[in-house]
């Protein structure tokens, strides 16, 4: 899991540390993960926009974009087309191929 550094205002840092002390979160990383997950769960358009942006930058595959956006590959393909983003077909390397396989295994 990659590490990320963030600058957080004092009042939010105090609240986060208080929440950790109160047992709401295990540690700062747990708090940040929880808040980000909750944000993207509540803001579907932001989750989709993030997935579209990463796909457009060729940072992720169609399968990963679909997973991040919370939709299936066919729905993601339609969203990308609506955004005018050219679809890439087939994995570019072995890591991308494994990623596509993992996503396919997790389809409901």
Protein backbone atom coordinates (compact mmCIF):
# COMPACT_ATOMS: atom_id res chain seq x y z
CA UNK A 1 0.00 0.00 0.00
CA UNK A 2 1.51 3.38 -0.99
CA UNK A 3 2.23 6.02 1.64
CA UNK A 4 0.74 9.50 1.32
CA UNK A 5 1.68 12.61 3.25
CA UNK A 6 -0.93 15.27 3.96
CA UNK A 7 -1.09 18.63 5.68
CA UNK A 8 -4.17 18.75 7.89
CA UNK A 9 -5.44 21.85 9.75
CA UNK A 10 -4.90 21.85 13.52
CA UNK A 11 -8.59 21.54 14.40
CA UNK A 12 -9.02 18.45 12.21
CA UNK A 13 -5.80 16.96 13.60
CA UNK A 14 -7.12 17.52 17.13
CA UNK A 15 -10.42 15.85 16.24
CA UNK A 16 -8.64 12.93 14.61
CA UNK A 17 -6.38 12.43 17.63
CA UNK A 18 -9.38 12.68 19.96
CA UNK A 19 -11.24 10.08 17.89
CA UNK A 20 -8.23 7.76 18.09
CA UNK A 21 -8.02 8.25 21.85
CA UNK A 22 -11.77 7.56 22.14
CA UNK A 23 -11.31 4.29 20.24
CA UNK A 24 -13.22 5.40 17.14
CA UNK A 25 -10.16 4.78 14.95
CA UNK A 26 -7.09 2.62 15.53
CA UNK A 27 -4.64 5.24 14.25
CA UNK A 28 -4.30 8.20 11.88
CA UNK A 29 -4.08 5.98 8.81
CA UNK A 30 -7.28 4.20 9.80
CA UNK A 31 -9.03 7.57 10.26
CA UNK A 32 -7.94 8.88 6.86
CA UNK A 33 -8.91 5.63 5.10
CA UNK A 34 -12.33 5.69 6.76
CA UNK A 35 -13.01 9.32 5.80
CA UNK A 36 -11.92 8.78 2.18
CA UNK A 37 -14.02 5.62 1.83
CA UNK A 38 -17.03 7.35 3.31
CA UNK A 39 -16.57 10.36 1.02
CA UNK A 40 -16.40 8.28 -2.14
CA UNK A 41 -19.29 6.08 -0.98
CA UNK A 42 -21.45 9.18 -0.53
CA UNK A 43 -20.24 11.01 -3.67
CA UNK A 44 -20.70 8.64 -6.61
CA UNK A 45 -19.94 11.35 -9.18
CA UNK A 46 -16.58 12.08 -7.55
CA UNK A 47 -15.72 8.37 -7.55
CA UNK A 48 -16.62 8.10 -11.23
CA UNK A 49 -14.72 11.31 -12.11
CA UNK A 50 -11.62 9.99 -10.36
CA UNK A 51 -11.81 6.67 -12.22
CA UNK A 52 -12.35 8.45 -15.56
CA UNK A 53 -9.39 10.73 -14.93
CA UNK A 54 -7.07 7.85 -14.06
CA UNK A 55 -8.21 5.87 -17.11
CA UNK A 56 -7.75 8.89 -19.37
CA UNK A 57 -4.19 9.32 -18.04
CA UNK A 58 -3.59 5.61 -18.81
CA UNK A 59 -2.80 4.98 -15.15
CA UNK A 60 -5.41 2.19 -14.86
CA UNK A 61 -7.20 -0.31 -17.06
CA UNK A 62 -10.87 -0.39 -17.98
CA UNK A 63 -11.47 -3.13 -15.41
CA UNK A 64 -9.83 -1.14 -12.64
CA UNK A 65 -11.71 2.01 -13.65
CA UNK A 66 -14.97 0.06 -13.46
CA UNK A 67 -14.11 -1.32 -10.02
CA UNK A 68 -13.13 2.11 -8.68
CA UNK A 69 -16.28 3.68 -10.15
CA UNK A 70 -18.47 0.98 -8.63
CA UNK A 71 -19.88 -0.28 -11.90
CA UNK A 72 -19.35 -3.09 -14.38
CA UNK A 73 -17.05 -2.82 -17.39
CA UNK A 74 -19.90 -2.25 -19.82
CA UNK A 75 -21.26 0.66 -17.80
CA UNK A 76 -17.75 2.10 -17.45
CA UNK A 77 -17.21 1.80 -21.18
CA UNK A 78 -20.40 3.79 -21.76
CA UNK A 79 -19.32 6.49 -19.30
CA UNK A 80 -15.94 6.80 -21.01
CA UNK A 81 -17.59 7.10 -24.41
CA UNK A 82 -19.95 9.77 -23.06
CA UNK A 83 -16.88 11.67 -21.82
CA UNK A 84 -15.29 11.36 -25.26
CA UNK A 85 -12.42 9.22 -24.02
CA UNK A 86 -10.95 6.72 -26.44
CA UNK A 87 -11.15 3.14 -25.21
CA UNK A 88 -7.99 1.05 -24.98
CA UNK A 89 -8.42 -2.64 -25.63
CA UNK A 90 -6.30 -5.41 -24.19
CA UNK A 91 -3.82 -5.25 -21.34
CA UNK A 92 -0.57 -3.39 -21.97
CA UNK A 93 1.58 -5.63 -19.76
CA UNK A 94 1.40 -8.63 -17.43
CA UNK A 95 0.42 -6.54 -14.40
CA UNK A 96 -2.50 -5.08 -16.35
CA UNK A 97 -3.47 -8.57 -17.53
CA UNK A 98 -3.48 -9.86 -13.93
CA UNK A 99 -5.54 -6.84 -12.89
CA UNK A 100 -8.11 -7.56 -15.61
CA UNK A 101 -8.31 -11.20 -14.50
CA UNK A 102 -8.81 -10.19 -10.86
CA UNK A 103 -11.57 -7.75 -11.80
CA UNK A 104 -13.28 -10.38 -13.97
CA UNK A 105 -13.22 -12.88 -11.09
CA UNK A 106 -14.94 -10.36 -8.82
CA UNK A 107 -17.82 -9.53 -11.17
CA UNK A 108 -21.18 -10.17 -9.60
